[in-house]
Amino acid sequence: MLQRTLDRLRAEFLEMPGLHLTAHQMERLCGVDPATCRAVINALIDERFLCVNANGRYSRTTEGAGPRLRPVKTVHTTAEDTRKAS
């Protein structure tokens, strides 16, 4: 039953880009009990197929559920830097 549920959830997330589901929604979608669903979710997280956001919704890791971090360019100025040359 676990393998069938793993395959089903993988297929759902692959077929519908941008899909975000709660654990309860996955339970209903697959028709499984909470313990089975938790085991499947943990397996998909361990293989880095799924990730969870701050609201408890799961999505494909490649969907960018987490924030994209970018390097920040900073400009440091001092009092000497602001003086104009004469």
Protein backbone atom coordinates (compact mmCIF):
# COMPACT_ATOMS: atom_id res chain seq x y z
CA MET A 1 0.00 0.00 0.00
CA LEU A 2 2.86 2.40 0.75
CA GLN A 3 4.43 2.00 -2.69
CA ARG A 4 1.09 2.52 -4.42
CA THR A 5 0.47 5.69 -2.39
CA LEU A 6 4.02 6.94 -3.09
CA ASP A 7 3.49 6.41 -6.81
CA ARG A 8 0.09 8.10 -6.72
CA LEU A 9 1.33 11.22 -4.95
CA ARG A 10 4.40 11.49 -7.18
CA ALA A 11 2.15 11.27 -10.24
CA GLU A 12 -0.24 13.94 -8.89
CA PHE A 13 2.56 16.40 -8.16
CA LEU A 14 4.22 15.73 -11.53
CA GLU A 15 0.98 16.10 -13.50
CA MET A 16 -0.04 19.36 -11.81
CA PRO A 17 2.80 21.87 -11.57
CA GLY A 18 2.29 24.28 -8.72
CA LEU A 19 0.19 21.82 -6.69
CA HIS A 20 0.27 22.58 -2.95
CA LEU A 21 -1.52 20.20 -0.56
CA THR A 22 -1.84 19.76 3.17
CA ALA A 23 -1.30 16.35 4.75
CA HIS A 24 -5.05 16.05 5.29
CA GLN A 25 -5.73 16.77 1.62
CA MET A 26 -3.23 14.07 0.62
CA GLU A 27 -4.94 11.61 2.97
CA ARG A 28 -8.29 12.27 1.29
CA LEU A 29 -6.81 12.22 -2.21
CA CYS A 30 -5.20 8.82 -1.69
CA GLY A 31 -7.80 7.39 0.67
CA VAL A 32 -5.27 6.45 3.35
CA ASP A 33 -5.09 6.81 7.11
CA PRO A 34 -2.99 9.57 8.73
CA ALA A 35 -0.16 7.21 9.76
CA THR A 36 0.25 5.84 6.23
CA CYS A 37 0.11 9.33 4.77
CA ARG A 38 2.75 10.57 7.23
CA ALA A 39 5.06 7.69 6.27
CA VAL A 40 4.62 8.49 2.56
CA ILE A 41 5.17 12.23 3.10
CA ASN A 42 8.32 11.54 5.13
CA ALA A 43 9.65 9.25 2.39
CA LEU A 44 9.00 11.89 -0.28
CA ILE A 45 10.68 14.56 1.85
CA ASP A 46 13.67 12.28 2.53
CA GLU A 47 14.17 11.77 -1.21
CA ARG A 48 13.78 15.54 -1.68
CA PHE A 49 10.76 15.22 -3.93
CA LEU A 50 8.52 17.21 -1.57
CA CYS A 51 9.10 20.13 0.76
CA VAL A 52 6.79 21.90 3.20
CA ASN A 53 6.21 25.63 3.50
CA ALA A 54 5.45 27.67 6.62
CA ASN A 55 1.69 27.15 6.15
CA GLY A 56 2.00 23.36 6.27
CA ARG A 57 1.42 22.86 2.55
CA TYR A 58 3.56 20.42 0.62
CA SER A 59 4.83 20.99 -2.90
CA ARG A 60 7.48 19.63 -5.22
CA THR A 61 10.92 20.75 -4.21
CA THR A 62 11.55 22.00 -7.75
CA GLU A 63 8.47 24.24 -7.57
CA GLY A 64 10.35 26.73 -5.42
CA ALA A 65 8.19 26.50 -2.34
CA GLY A 66 10.90 28.07 -0.26
CA PRO A 67 12.20 31.60 -0.63
CA ARG A 68 14.82 32.13 -3.27
CA LEU A 69 17.91 33.51 -1.68
CA ARG A 70 19.97 35.97 -3.66
CA PRO A 71 23.24 37.60 -2.76
CA VAL A 72 22.84 41.16 -1.63
CA LYS A 73 25.15 43.84 -2.91
CA THR A 74 25.98 46.41 -0.30
CA VAL A 75 27.78 49.69 -0.61
CA HIS A 76 29.78 50.76 2.37
CA THR A 77 30.51 54.45 2.57
CA THR A 78 32.48 56.37 5.10
CA ALA A 79 32.73 60.08 5.84
CA GLU A 80 35.91 60.18 3.76
CA ASP A 81 34.13 58.65 0.77
CA THR A 82 31.54 61.43 0.75
CA ARG A 83 34.07 64.30 0.63
CA LYS A 84 34.45 65.82 -2.78
CA ALA A 85 37.83 66.25 -4.34
CA SER A 86 38.90 69.86 -4.82
